[in-house]
Amino acid sequence: MIDETLIASLNLSGDEAEKLLGGTMDMSAILGQQMGDLQEGQILEGEVVGFAGDDVVIEVGLKSEGLVPKEEFDGAEVKIGDKIKVLLDKIDGEGGLVQISKRKADRQINWQRLVDTTREGDVIEGKVTRKIKGGLLVDIGVPAFLPASQVDVRRPAEIGDYIGRTVRASVLKIDLERRNIVVSRRKLIEEERESAKKRLMETLKEGEIVPGEVKNIADFGAFIDLGGIDGLLHITDMSWGRINHPSEMVKIGQKVEVKVLNIDREKEKIALGLKQKEASPWEEIENQYPVGSRVRGSVVNIVSYGAFVRLQDGIEGLVHISEMSWTRRVNHPSELVKPGDEVDVVVLEIDKNKQEISLGMKQVEVNPWELVSEKYPRGTVIEGTVRNLTNYGAFVEIEPGIDGLLHVSDISWTKKVTHANEALKKGDVVKCVVLDVERDKQRIGLGVKQLTEDPWVNLIPEHYKPGMVVRGKVTKITNFGVFVELESDLEGLLHISELSDQKVENPQDVVKIGDEIDVKILRVDTSDRKIGLSLKRAQWGDTSERDASTRTPSSTPARGGSPTRGGMDSHGAMGTDKISFNPKQ
């Protein structure tokens, strides 16, 4: 049934109204007569005449009214009498109403205006309305497509975060046929940054304090946007004090003021500093911490070679592991200190240019080596424990932290010791005599053989005289001769020329290791500690008429020790160097 109010709004004549009510004329015919040449899709100007619920009633001059949802006004205030342009969307013959759209009219008007005024490359501004496949829609009067790859220089993790934001972008493409437009925010940013960078590089000067924004943080520093170009704020230029990571000083998005340290215009690199805005605490370091002064600090870091101690913000010194204790053998600094410990130290050395301070912990206490020469003068007999063995000697602990060196040459008068482990082992308690003390070098020389008389002075020359025939055991065979043990640790050399009257090419053709043989003593060299022997000369004489002094290796041992092999002289005599002893006795 046709609403009488609608008929009244059409301004029909009495005959037309009766025909419409009587059904002899339909609404489309009447509207067709009133609209004349108007077509769907046309832009019409209407007037707000009222409101119906959530709709705005607009009279469009066709003896009819249309309804436009309030949402199409995008929150704008609407009042009766306002002139509004709408698009004639459809003529509804049955209801007698026309379907109109303000939004479609706005889009068509805006599109035409955009086509008339905008070209590819122009800069536009619009509000991001929603996220669609592949990107975002930006309302610039008409919907424009902003691809995800064109949202920013670095593609954001979530482009949906841009919804509701007003953005500026560069027009990439306008498709008239499909009536769509593609824009790029990234291109605009790059163009603006390039322009700003050029201006900045022309005007920026070293030493200037400039504003910037933290754009990115890495382990080695932070990148600061100076307004067109990024500069690097290295971690070492953030603070005079110690920091472990740049995030302790700055955050992404933070506004900062930094000092320009260096500009490489060719490579377009800028080095920035934060700590340089303040005076370096190292400027007065020598006056504040003079060498030799005692100060208190806090352990901030421990490494294998020492501990870093903070004296004040920005001032740290290194206590080398060798400067931690006078007496204790420190394998790692953590044995003595840990981060956070408060320690007293002495300033040993300052390198202002390198900004380094050498500190000592042990210097706080009295150096026990200052008293060593008084406690252990030369000739003092001491007992100590073997702490370490080397090929050149044994380290003997005299008291905690004080070691003396027992050199291999001072272990035995007669036995040649090539490594300390031939006579000693770790943990042995030995009696030694102090040979010398070098306080400056912190060294004490020890000897064991000096506890007894040198057998080469009297004992050996008395027991082994040239011309004697003695019995010994073959212990070693070389290409130049044979070593013969005369008694424990005392050896002589039987040169190859003294083996036989016949020429001998190989000593093993005459004797074997372990053979007991009679040999004649040719010489006893006490200065070089050598005994020369002869087999052939012992065989020349009548063994039944031997001298009564002839003896076996065990018959007359040399008091104080027994000789061993040494160097060889031109006659084949073999020297012996050290004396045998038991260091545990």
Protein backbone atom coordinates (compact mmCIF):
# COMPACT_ATOMS: atom_id res chain seq x y z
CA MET A 1 0.00 0.00 0.00
CA ILE A 2 1.38 3.40 -0.95
CA ASP A 3 1.92 5.77 1.95
CA GLU A 4 -0.21 8.93 1.69
CA THR A 5 2.69 10.92 3.20
CA LEU A 6 4.88 9.78 0.32
CA ILE A 7 2.20 10.81 -2.21
CA ALA A 8 2.03 14.21 -0.57
CA SER A 9 5.78 14.60 -0.79
CA LEU A 10 5.67 14.03 -4.55
CA ASN A 11 3.49 17.12 -5.17
CA LEU A 12 1.12 15.18 -7.48
CA SER A 13 -2.03 16.60 -9.02
CA GLY A 14 -5.37 15.30 -7.85
CA ASP A 15 -5.75 13.07 -10.94
CA GLU A 16 -2.22 11.68 -10.51
CA ALA A 17 -2.77 10.99 -6.87
CA GLU A 18 -6.09 9.22 -7.54
CA LYS A 19 -4.51 7.13 -10.30
CA LEU A 20 -1.63 6.20 -8.01
CA LEU A 21 -3.94 5.27 -5.14
CA GLY A 22 -6.33 3.50 -7.48
CA GLY A 23 -3.50 1.46 -8.94
CA THR A 24 -4.06 2.68 -12.49
CA MET A 25 -0.64 4.35 -12.48
CA ASP A 26 2.55 2.95 -10.87
CA MET A 27 5.19 4.83 -8.95
CA SER A 28 7.92 4.33 -11.54
CA ALA A 29 5.83 6.01 -14.20
CA ILE A 30 5.18 8.99 -11.99
CA LEU A 31 8.85 9.25 -10.97
CA GLY A 32 9.90 8.79 -14.55
CA GLN A 33 7.77 11.75 -15.56
CA GLN A 34 9.30 13.84 -12.74
CA MET A 35 12.95 12.77 -13.31
CA GLY A 36 12.95 13.34 -16.99
CA ASP A 37 16.53 12.71 -18.24
CA LEU A 38 18.08 11.90 -14.83
CA GLN A 39 19.89 8.56 -14.68
CA GLU A 40 21.20 6.34 -11.95
CA GLY A 41 24.76 7.23 -11.01
CA GLN A 42 24.25 10.97 -11.33
CA ILE A 43 25.42 13.41 -8.65
CA LEU A 44 22.56 15.45 -7.24
CA GLU A 45 22.43 18.24 -4.72
CA GLY A 46 19.94 17.69 -1.92
CA GLU A 47 18.84 19.33 1.27
CA VAL A 48 18.56 17.84 4.71
CA VAL A 49 14.89 18.01 5.64
CA GLY A 50 14.73 15.73 8.64
CA PHE A 51 15.85 12.64 10.49
CA ALA A 52 14.38 9.15 10.68
CA GLY A 53 16.08 7.05 13.32
CA ASP A 54 19.71 6.48 12.23
CA ASP A 55 19.00 7.95 8.78
CA VAL A 56 19.14 11.49 7.46
CA VAL A 57 16.19 12.48 5.20
CA ILE A 58 17.38 14.36 2.16
CA GLU A 59 15.12 16.03 -0.43
CA VAL A 60 16.78 15.81 -3.83
CA GLY A 61 14.35 17.90 -5.89
CA LEU A 62 12.48 15.00 -7.46
CA LYS A 63 9.28 15.42 -5.53
CA SER A 64 10.82 12.68 -3.44
CA GLU A 65 13.14 12.15 -0.55
CA GLY A 66 15.96 9.73 0.06
CA LEU A 67 17.47 8.31 3.21
CA VAL A 68 21.22 8.38 3.93
CA PRO A 69 22.64 6.51 6.98
CA LYS A 70 24.28 8.85 9.45
CA GLU A 71 27.46 6.73 9.35
CA GLU A 72 28.13 8.02 5.83
CA PHE A 73 28.75 11.46 7.34
CA ASP A 74 31.76 10.03 9.27
CA GLY A 75 30.74 11.72 12.49
CA ALA A 76 30.27 15.18 10.97
CA GLU A 77 27.52 17.31 12.45
CA VAL A 78 24.36 17.40 10.27
CA LYS A 79 21.47 19.81 10.64
CA ILE A 80 18.24 20.60 8.71
CA GLY A 81 18.85 22.86 5.78
CA ASP A 82 22.37 21.57 5.04
CA LYS A 83 23.07 21.18 1.35
CA ILE A 84 24.43 17.72 0.60
CA LYS A 85 25.66 16.17 -2.63
CA VAL A 86 24.53 12.61 -3.12
CA LEU A 87 24.69 9.98 -5.82
CA LEU A 88 21.43 8.74 -7.35
CA ASP A 89 21.95 5.07 -6.74
CA LYS A 90 18.55 3.56 -7.64
CA ILE A 91 14.93 4.48 -8.24
CA ASP A 92 12.58 2.33 -6.16
CA GLY A 93 9.24 2.24 -7.95
CA GLU A 94 7.31 0.31 -5.34
CA GLY A 95 8.23 2.24 -2.24
CA GLY A 96 8.21 5.54 -3.99
CA LEU A 97 11.66 6.37 -2.58
CA VAL A 98 14.90 6.96 -4.38
CA GLN A 99 18.09 5.28 -3.12
CA ILE A 100 20.88 7.79 -2.70
CA SER A 101 24.41 7.65 -1.21
CA LYS A 102 26.48 10.44 0.14
CA ARG A 103 29.58 8.20 0.47
CA LYS A 104 29.48 7.15 -3.17
CA ALA A 105 29.01 10.75 -4.21
CA ASP A 106 31.99 11.79 -2.09
CA ARG A 107 34.16 9.07 -3.63
CA GLN A 108 33.20 10.01 -7.15
CA ILE A 109 33.77 13.69 -6.49
CA ASN A 110 37.03 13.01 -4.73
CA TRP A 111 38.24 10.64 -7.41
CA GLN A 112 37.58 13.23 -10.10
CA ARG A 113 39.29 15.91 -8.04
CA LEU A 114 42.26 13.57 -7.47
CA VAL A 115 42.48 12.77 -11.18
CA ASP A 116 42.36 16.46 -12.01
CA THR A 117 44.93 17.57 -9.42
CA THR A 118 47.23 14.63 -8.65
CA ARG A 119 49.98 12.99 -10.67
CA GLU A 120 52.22 10.01 -10.03
CA GLY A 121 55.01 11.06 -7.67
CA ASP A 122 52.89 13.61 -5.82
CA VAL A 123 52.72 13.49 -2.03
CA ILE A 124 49.34 12.79 -0.45
CA GLU A 125 48.08 12.42 3.12
CA GLY A 126 45.40 10.09 4.41
CA LYS A 127 44.17 7.94 7.25
CA VAL A 128 44.84 4.20 7.35
CA THR A 129 41.40 2.60 7.58
CA ARG A 130 41.95 -1.13 7.50
CA LYS A 131 44.24 -4.01 6.70
CA ILE A 132 43.64 -6.04 3.56
CA LYS A 133 45.50 -8.80 1.79
CA GLY A 134 48.97 -7.57 0.88
CA GLY A 135 48.80 -4.23 2.59
CA LEU A 136 46.67 -1.38 3.94
CA LEU A 137 43.88 0.87 2.70
CA VAL A 138 44.48 4.59 3.11
CA ASP A 139 41.60 7.06 2.82
CA ILE A 140 42.83 10.03 0.77
CA GLY A 141 39.30 10.95 -0.33
CA VAL A 142 39.18 7.66 -2.16
CA PRO A 143 40.62 4.36 -0.92
CA ALA A 144 44.30 4.04 -1.87
CA PHE A 145 46.31 0.83 -1.60
CA LEU A 146 49.51 0.91 0.47
CA PRO A 147 51.42 -2.36 -0.12
CA ALA A 148 53.03 -3.91 2.97
CA SER A 149 56.48 -3.61 1.37
CA GLN A 150 55.95 0.12 0.98
CA VAL A 151 54.85 0.89 4.54
CA ASP A 152 58.35 1.72 5.85
CA VAL A 153 62.03 1.49 5.00
CA ARG A 154 62.21 -1.62 7.16
CA ARG A 155 59.07 -3.70 6.85
CA PRO A 156 57.30 -3.61 10.24
CA ALA A 157 56.49 -6.82 12.03
CA GLU A 158 52.76 -5.97 12.12
CA ILE A 159 51.39 -3.47 9.58
CA GLY A 160 48.04 -3.53 11.39
CA ASP A 161 49.62 -1.21 13.97
CA TYR A 162 49.23 1.59 11.43
CA ILE A 163 45.41 1.39 11.38
CA GLY A 164 43.97 4.69 12.53
CA ARG A 165 47.17 6.62 11.88
CA THR A 166 47.41 9.50 9.44
CA VAL A 167 50.28 8.94 7.04
CA ARG A 168 51.97 10.75 4.20
CA ALA A 169 52.88 8.83 1.08
CA SER A 170 54.03 9.20 -2.49
CA VAL A 171 51.68 8.26 -5.35
CA LEU A 172 53.13 5.31 -7.23
CA LYS A 173 50.38 4.63 -9.75
CA ILE A 174 46.93 5.90 -10.78
CA ASP A 175 44.82 3.42 -12.77
CA LEU A 176 41.99 5.43 -14.41
CA GLU A 177 40.35 2.42 -15.96
CA ARG A 178 40.11 0.44 -12.72
CA ARG A 179 39.79 3.58 -10.67
CA ASN A 180 42.42 2.61 -8.08
CA ILE A 181 45.57 4.23 -6.75
CA VAL A 182 48.73 2.75 -5.24
CA VAL A 183 50.83 4.78 -2.81
CA SER A 184 54.20 4.29 -1.05
CA ARG A 185 55.17 5.64 2.32
CA ARG A 186 58.58 4.02 2.01
CA LYS A 187 59.46 5.92 -1.16
CA LEU A 188 58.51 9.21 0.43
CA ILE A 189 60.62 8.45 3.53
CA GLU A 190 63.62 7.50 1.39
CA GLU A 191 63.29 10.64 -0.72
CA GLU A 192 62.94 12.87 2.33
CA ARG A 193 65.82 11.16 4.12
CA GLU A 194 68.05 11.49 1.08
CA SER A 195 67.26 15.17 0.83
CA ALA A 196 67.73 15.67 4.57
CA LYS A 197 70.96 13.65 4.52
CA LYS A 198 72.39 15.83 1.78
CA ARG A 199 71.58 18.99 3.72
CA LEU A 200 72.93 17.48 6.95
CA MET A 201 76.23 16.33 5.43
CA GLU A 202 76.75 19.83 4.04
CA THR A 203 76.15 21.61 7.33
CA LEU A 204 77.16 19.14 10.08
CA LYS A 205 80.44 19.86 11.88
CA GLU A 206 82.63 17.83 14.21
CA GLY A 207 82.30 18.88 17.82
CA GLU A 208 78.67 19.95 17.50
CA ILE A 209 75.99 18.80 19.93
CA VAL A 210 73.02 17.63 17.84
CA PRO A 211 69.62 16.08 18.66
CA GLY A 212 68.70 12.61 17.47
CA GLU A 213 66.50 9.61 18.05
CA VAL A 214 67.62 6.06 18.86
CA LYS A 215 66.59 3.91 15.90
CA ASN A 216 68.35 0.63 16.55
CA ILE A 217 70.50 -1.02 19.22
CA ALA A 218 73.23 -3.61 18.64
CA ASP A 219 75.76 -5.25 20.96
CA PHE A 220 78.45 -2.80 19.86
CA GLY A 221 76.40 0.40 20.05
CA ALA A 222 73.29 2.31 18.98
CA PHE A 223 72.28 3.94 15.69
CA ILE A 224 71.01 7.48 16.11
CA ASP A 225 68.78 9.13 13.50
CA LEU A 226 70.03 12.68 13.12
CA GLY A 227 67.22 13.64 10.77
CA GLY A 228 68.19 12.16 7.42
CA ILE A 229 71.20 10.02 8.26
CA ASP A 230 72.10 7.61 11.04
CA GLY A 231 75.21 8.02 13.16
CA LEU A 232 76.84 5.33 15.28
CA LEU A 233 77.07 5.83 19.01
CA HIS A 234 79.60 3.17 19.94
CA ILE A 235 79.31 1.47 23.32
CA THR A 236 82.75 2.81 24.31
CA ASP A 237 81.53 6.37 23.70
CA MET A 238 78.38 6.09 25.79
CA SER A 239 79.80 6.46 29.28
CA TRP A 240 83.10 7.07 31.02
CA GLY A 241 82.07 4.20 33.30
CA ARG A 242 81.70 0.51 32.54
CA ILE A 243 78.57 -0.71 30.73
CA ASN A 244 77.89 -4.23 29.54
CA HIS A 245 75.32 -3.45 26.84
CA PRO A 246 74.11 -0.27 25.08
CA SER A 247 70.56 -0.95 26.29
CA GLU A 248 71.74 0.09 29.76
CA MET A 249 72.14 3.64 28.44
CA VAL A 250 69.54 4.15 25.69
CA LYS A 251 66.21 2.76 24.46
CA ILE A 252 64.73 2.59 20.97
CA GLY A 253 62.73 5.74 20.25
CA GLN A 254 64.53 7.73 22.93
CA LYS A 255 65.40 11.35 22.13
CA VAL A 256 69.05 12.08 22.84
CA GLU A 257 71.62 14.80 22.36
CA VAL A 258 74.98 13.56 21.13
CA LYS A 259 78.32 15.04 20.18
CA VAL A 260 79.66 14.64 16.64
CA LEU A 261 83.09 12.99 17.02
CA ASN A 262 84.00 12.26 13.42
CA ILE A 263 82.48 12.68 9.95
CA ASP A 264 83.50 10.57 6.95
CA ARG A 265 81.75 12.46 4.16
CA GLU A 266 83.00 10.09 1.47
CA LYS A 267 81.59 6.99 3.17
CA GLU A 268 78.75 8.98 4.76
CA LYS A 269 79.60 7.69 8.23
CA ILE A 270 79.22 9.69 11.42
CA ALA A 271 80.70 8.75 14.79
CA LEU A 272 78.83 10.08 17.80
CA GLY A 273 79.59 10.35 21.48
CA LEU A 274 77.49 10.67 24.60
CA LYS A 275 80.18 10.68 27.28
CA GLN A 276 82.14 13.40 25.45
CA LYS A 277 79.47 15.93 26.43
CA GLU A 278 81.11 15.87 29.86
CA ALA A 279 84.73 16.34 30.86
CA SER A 280 86.82 13.17 31.07
CA PRO A 281 87.53 12.04 34.63
CA TRP A 282 91.01 11.13 33.37
CA GLU A 283 92.00 14.78 32.96
CA GLU A 284 93.09 15.13 36.61
CA ILE A 285 93.82 11.46 37.21
CA GLU A 286 97.48 11.92 38.18
CA ASN A 287 96.62 14.49 40.82
CA GLN A 288 93.64 12.56 42.11
CA TYR A 289 95.39 9.19 42.30
CA PRO A 290 99.16 9.76 42.53
CA VAL A 291 101.44 6.76 42.09
CA GLY A 292 102.04 5.09 45.44
CA SER A 293 98.80 6.28 46.99
CA ARG A 294 96.52 3.82 48.73
CA VAL A 295 92.85 3.88 47.70
CA ARG A 296 89.73 1.79 48.14
CA GLY A 297 87.68 0.47 45.24
CA SER A 298 85.09 -2.04 44.18
CA VAL A 299 85.79 -5.14 42.07
CA VAL A 300 83.68 -4.86 38.91
CA ASN A 301 85.05 -7.59 36.68
CA ILE A 302 87.32 -10.62 36.89
CA VAL A 303 89.37 -12.07 34.03
CA SER A 304 91.97 -14.80 33.94
CA TYR A 305 94.85 -12.34 34.20
CA GLY A 306 93.50 -10.10 36.94
CA ALA A 307 90.64 -8.08 38.43
CA PHE A 308 89.28 -4.66 37.41
CA VAL A 309 88.64 -2.32 40.32
CA ARG A 310 86.44 0.79 40.01
CA LEU A 311 87.88 3.74 41.89
CA GLN A 312 85.06 6.08 40.81
CA ASP A 313 82.57 6.35 37.95
CA GLY A 314 84.61 6.17 34.75
CA ILE A 315 87.88 5.23 36.46
CA GLU A 316 88.89 1.60 36.64
CA GLY A 317 92.27 0.04 37.29
CA LEU A 318 93.65 -3.44 36.78
CA VAL A 319 95.10 -5.53 39.58
CA HIS A 320 97.20 -8.05 37.69
CA ILE A 321 97.19 -11.56 39.09
CA SER A 322 100.91 -11.19 39.86
CA GLU A 323 100.13 -8.17 42.07
CA MET A 324 97.57 -9.89 44.28
CA SER A 325 99.70 -11.68 46.85
CA TRP A 326 103.32 -11.73 47.95
CA THR A 327 103.25 -15.35 48.99
CA ARG A 328 100.14 -17.12 47.76
CA ARG A 329 100.30 -18.82 44.38
CA VAL A 330 97.17 -17.49 42.69
CA ASN A 331 95.95 -19.57 39.76
CA HIS A 332 92.88 -17.39 39.14
CA PRO A 333 91.85 -14.03 40.64
CA SER A 334 88.55 -15.55 41.79
CA GLU A 335 90.51 -17.37 44.49
CA LEU A 336 90.96 -14.03 46.26
CA VAL A 337 88.21 -11.65 45.10
CA LYS A 338 84.77 -11.62 43.51
CA PRO A 339 82.68 -8.90 41.81
CA GLY A 340 81.31 -6.46 44.34
CA ASP A 341 84.14 -6.89 46.86
CA GLU A 342 85.57 -3.72 48.38
CA VAL A 343 89.37 -3.88 48.31
CA ASP A 344 92.30 -1.66 49.29
CA VAL A 345 94.84 -1.17 46.52
CA VAL A 346 97.98 0.83 45.82
CA VAL A 347 98.40 2.84 42.60
CA LEU A 348 101.43 1.38 40.82
CA GLU A 349 101.39 3.10 37.44
CA ILE A 350 99.23 5.49 35.37
CA ASP A 351 99.08 5.73 31.56
CA LYS A 352 96.94 8.79 30.95
CA ASN A 353 97.02 8.47 27.16
CA LYS A 354 95.80 4.87 27.22
CA GLN A 355 93.55 5.62 30.21
CA GLU A 356 95.00 2.73 32.16
CA ILE A 357 95.87 2.39 35.85
CA SER A 358 97.90 -0.47 37.26
CA LEU A 359 96.97 -1.36 40.82
CA GLY A 360 98.39 -3.71 43.42
CA MET A 361 96.74 -5.54 46.28
CA LYS A 362 99.83 -7.14 47.77
CA GLN A 363 101.54 -3.75 48.12
CA VAL A 364 99.07 -2.92 50.89
CA GLU A 365 100.91 -5.46 53.06
CA VAL A 366 104.57 -5.80 54.03
CA ASN A 367 106.62 -7.72 51.48
CA PRO A 368 107.83 -10.87 53.28
CA TRP A 369 110.83 -10.97 50.93
CA GLU A 370 112.11 -7.87 52.70
CA LEU A 371 112.74 -10.10 55.74
CA VAL A 372 114.01 -13.22 53.93
CA SER A 373 117.67 -12.20 53.88
CA GLU A 374 117.51 -11.60 57.64
CA LYS A 375 115.67 -14.83 58.41
CA TYR A 376 117.69 -17.05 56.05
CA PRO A 377 121.26 -15.76 55.67
CA ARG A 378 123.73 -17.66 53.49
CA GLY A 379 124.74 -20.95 55.10
CA THR A 380 121.47 -21.45 56.95
CA VAL A 381 120.35 -25.09 56.96
CA ILE A 382 116.62 -25.42 56.42
CA GLU A 383 114.04 -28.14 55.81
CA GLY A 384 111.41 -27.70 53.13
CA THR A 385 108.84 -29.52 51.05
CA VAL A 386 109.34 -30.16 47.35
CA ARG A 387 106.54 -28.25 45.64
CA ASN A 388 107.44 -28.56 41.98
CA LEU A 389 109.97 -30.36 39.78
CA THR A 390 111.53 -29.16 36.53
CA ASN A 391 114.37 -30.24 34.29
CA TYR A 392 116.58 -27.57 35.86
CA GLY A 393 115.73 -28.13 39.50
CA ALA A 394 113.22 -28.44 42.30
CA PHE A 395 111.25 -25.68 44.03
CA VAL A 396 111.32 -26.19 47.76
CA GLU A 397 108.84 -24.36 49.98
CA ILE A 398 110.71 -22.89 52.93
CA GLU A 399 107.62 -21.24 54.43
CA PRO A 400 104.15 -20.47 53.01
CA GLY A 401 104.69 -18.46 49.86
CA ILE A 402 108.51 -18.52 50.03
CA ASP A 403 110.17 -21.00 47.68
CA GLY A 404 113.82 -21.69 47.09
CA LEU A 405 115.34 -23.27 43.98
CA LEU A 406 117.42 -26.41 44.38
CA HIS A 407 119.26 -26.55 41.06
CA VAL A 408 120.08 -29.96 39.56
CA SER A 409 123.75 -29.09 39.73
CA ASP A 410 123.46 -28.69 43.50
CA ILE A 411 121.79 -32.04 44.21
CA SER A 412 124.78 -34.40 44.10
CA TRP A 413 128.59 -34.12 44.00
CA THR A 414 129.00 -37.22 41.88
CA LYS A 415 125.73 -38.21 40.26
CA LYS A 416 124.85 -36.35 37.08
CA VAL A 417 121.18 -35.36 37.49
CA THR A 418 119.51 -34.30 34.24
CA HIS A 419 116.06 -33.84 35.76
CA ALA A 420 115.07 -33.20 39.34
CA ASN A 421 112.63 -36.12 39.30
CA GLU A 422 115.61 -38.49 39.13
CA ALA A 423 116.36 -37.69 42.76
CA LEU A 424 113.16 -36.20 44.18
CA LYS A 425 109.41 -36.27 43.99
CA LYS A 426 106.71 -33.81 44.96
CA GLY A 427 105.99 -33.79 48.67
CA ASP A 428 109.46 -34.93 49.72
CA VAL A 429 110.86 -33.17 52.76
CA VAL A 430 114.50 -32.28 52.12
CA LYS A 431 117.26 -30.65 54.12
CA CYS A 432 119.08 -27.91 52.25
CA VAL A 433 121.59 -25.17 52.84
CA VAL A 434 120.93 -21.58 51.73
CA LEU A 435 123.47 -20.68 49.04
CA ASP A 436 122.33 -17.14 48.22
CA VAL A 437 119.38 -14.77 48.57
CA GLU A 438 118.39 -12.26 45.85
CA ARG A 439 115.76 -10.09 47.51
CA ASP A 440 115.09 -7.89 44.47
CA LYS A 441 114.51 -10.89 42.22
CA GLN A 442 112.76 -12.77 45.04
CA ARG A 443 114.98 -15.81 44.63
CA ILE A 444 116.67 -18.13 47.10
CA GLY A 445 119.31 -20.59 45.94
CA LEU A 446 119.48 -23.90 47.79
CA GLY A 447 121.90 -26.80 47.80
CA VAL A 448 121.91 -30.34 49.13
CA LYS A 449 125.36 -31.54 48.12
CA GLN A 450 126.88 -28.67 50.09
CA LEU A 451 125.72 -30.40 53.28
CA THR A 452 128.55 -32.95 52.79
CA GLU A 453 132.21 -32.82 51.83
CA ASP A 454 133.12 -32.87 48.14
CA PRO A 455 134.46 -36.43 47.62
CA TRP A 456 136.56 -35.28 44.69
CA VAL A 457 138.73 -33.25 47.00
CA ASN A 458 140.15 -36.14 49.07
CA LEU A 459 138.08 -39.34 49.09
CA ILE A 460 138.10 -40.30 45.42
CA PRO A 461 141.76 -39.41 44.78
CA GLU A 462 142.73 -41.48 47.84
CA HIS A 463 140.72 -44.56 46.84
CA TYR A 464 141.34 -44.52 43.09
CA LYS A 465 144.94 -43.92 42.04
CA PRO A 466 146.48 -44.27 38.61
CA GLY A 467 147.93 -47.74 38.07
CA MET A 468 145.38 -49.56 40.20
CA VAL A 469 143.44 -52.45 38.70
CA VAL A 470 139.84 -52.50 39.91
CA ARG A 471 136.74 -54.47 39.09
CA GLY A 472 133.62 -52.77 37.70
CA LYS A 473 130.39 -53.45 35.87
CA VAL A 474 129.62 -52.35 32.31
CA THR A 475 126.58 -49.99 32.49
CA LYS A 476 126.53 -48.33 29.10
CA ILE A 477 128.10 -48.85 25.67
CA THR A 478 128.57 -46.05 23.15
CA ASN A 479 130.37 -45.78 19.82
CA PHE A 480 133.31 -44.08 21.55
CA GLY A 481 133.66 -46.37 24.53
CA VAL A 482 132.20 -48.11 27.57
CA PHE A 483 131.02 -46.71 30.92
CA VAL A 484 132.08 -48.83 33.85
CA GLU A 485 130.52 -48.46 37.32
CA LEU A 486 133.25 -48.69 39.92
CA GLU A 487 130.88 -48.30 42.84
CA SER A 488 127.40 -46.89 43.34
CA ASP A 489 127.06 -43.69 41.26
CA LEU A 490 130.79 -43.63 40.41
CA GLU A 491 131.70 -44.38 36.82
CA GLY A 492 134.76 -44.18 34.67
CA LEU A 493 135.15 -44.26 30.93
CA LEU A 494 136.84 -47.10 29.14
CA HIS A 495 137.63 -45.52 25.79
CA ILE A 496 137.31 -47.71 22.69
CA SER A 497 141.07 -47.42 22.15
CA GLU A 498 141.65 -48.98 25.58
CA LEU A 499 139.47 -52.05 25.03
CA SER A 500 141.94 -54.27 23.22
CA ASP A 501 145.33 -54.37 21.57
CA GLN A 502 143.44 -55.12 18.40
CA LYS A 503 141.53 -52.42 16.57
CA VAL A 504 137.91 -52.45 17.76
CA GLU A 505 135.14 -51.17 15.50
CA ASN A 506 132.28 -52.06 17.78
CA PRO A 507 132.74 -52.13 21.61
CA GLN A 508 129.99 -54.73 21.87
CA ASP A 509 132.30 -57.20 20.17
CA VAL A 510 134.46 -57.08 23.32
CA VAL A 511 132.06 -56.48 26.26
CA LYS A 512 128.34 -56.57 27.01
CA ILE A 513 126.22 -54.53 29.40
CA GLY A 514 126.29 -56.22 32.82
CA ASP A 515 129.74 -57.77 32.34
CA GLU A 516 132.05 -57.51 35.32
CA ILE A 517 135.55 -56.64 34.13
CA ASP A 518 138.89 -55.71 35.57
CA VAL A 519 140.18 -52.34 34.42
CA LYS A 520 143.26 -50.31 35.11
CA ILE A 521 142.99 -46.69 36.31
CA LEU A 522 144.87 -44.45 33.92
CA ARG A 523 144.14 -41.07 35.51
CA VAL A 524 141.98 -39.35 38.12
CA ASP A 525 141.27 -35.72 37.13
CA THR A 526 139.87 -33.97 40.22
CA SER A 527 139.45 -30.60 38.52
CA ASP A 528 137.31 -32.01 35.68
CA ARG A 529 136.00 -34.85 37.87
CA LYS A 530 136.97 -37.60 35.42
CA ILE A 531 138.35 -41.14 35.73
CA GLY A 532 140.01 -42.78 32.73
CA LEU A 533 140.14 -46.61 32.51
CA SER A 534 141.86 -49.28 30.40
CA LEU A 535 140.91 -52.92 29.83
CA LYS A 536 143.86 -53.92 27.69
CA ARG A 537 146.40 -52.53 30.18
CA ALA A 538 144.78 -54.49 33.00
CA GLN A 539 145.22 -57.66 30.92
CA TRP A 540 148.90 -57.02 30.25
CA GLY A 541 149.96 -57.78 33.83
CA ASP A 542 149.88 -61.07 35.79
CA THR A 543 146.55 -61.08 37.58
CA SER A 544 147.99 -63.33 40.29
CA GLU A 545 150.45 -60.60 41.24
CA ARG A 546 147.97 -57.80 41.43
CA ASP A 547 148.38 -55.08 44.00
CA ALA A 548 146.59 -55.86 47.28
CA SER A 549 144.55 -52.70 46.80
CA THR A 550 142.63 -54.29 43.91
CA ARG A 551 138.95 -54.34 44.91
CA THR A 552 135.41 -54.89 43.72
CA PRO A 553 132.85 -52.04 43.37
CA SER A 554 131.41 -52.71 46.82
CA SER A 555 134.68 -53.10 48.78
CA THR A 556 135.59 -49.44 49.46
CA PRO A 557 132.84 -46.89 48.78
CA ALA A 558 133.73 -43.20 48.67
CA ARG A 559 132.51 -41.41 51.77
CA GLY A 560 129.85 -38.73 51.12
CA GLY A 561 128.61 -40.22 47.87
CA SER A 562 129.73 -42.01 44.70
CA PRO A 563 130.75 -40.52 41.33
CA THR A 564 128.93 -40.93 38.06
CA ARG A 565 129.69 -40.39 34.40
CA GLY A 566 130.87 -37.04 33.09
CA GLY A 567 132.61 -35.60 30.03
CA MET A 568 135.38 -37.33 28.07
CA ASP A 569 138.91 -35.98 27.65
CA SER A 570 141.38 -36.62 24.82
CA HIS A 571 142.68 -39.73 26.55
CA GLY A 572 139.30 -41.28 27.11
CA ALA A 573 139.00 -40.28 30.76
CA MET A 574 135.40 -39.68 31.82
CA GLY A 575 134.50 -36.99 34.32
CA THR A 576 131.90 -37.18 37.03
CA ASP A 577 129.98 -34.18 38.30
CA LYS A 578 127.68 -34.85 41.23
CA ILE A 579 127.56 -36.89 44.39
CA SER A 580 124.89 -39.44 45.16
CA PHE A 581 122.66 -38.82 48.20
CA ASN A 582 119.23 -39.52 49.56
CA PRO A 583 117.46 -36.13 49.86
CA LYS A 584 114.88 -37.63 52.23
CA GLN A 585 117.54 -38.49 54.84
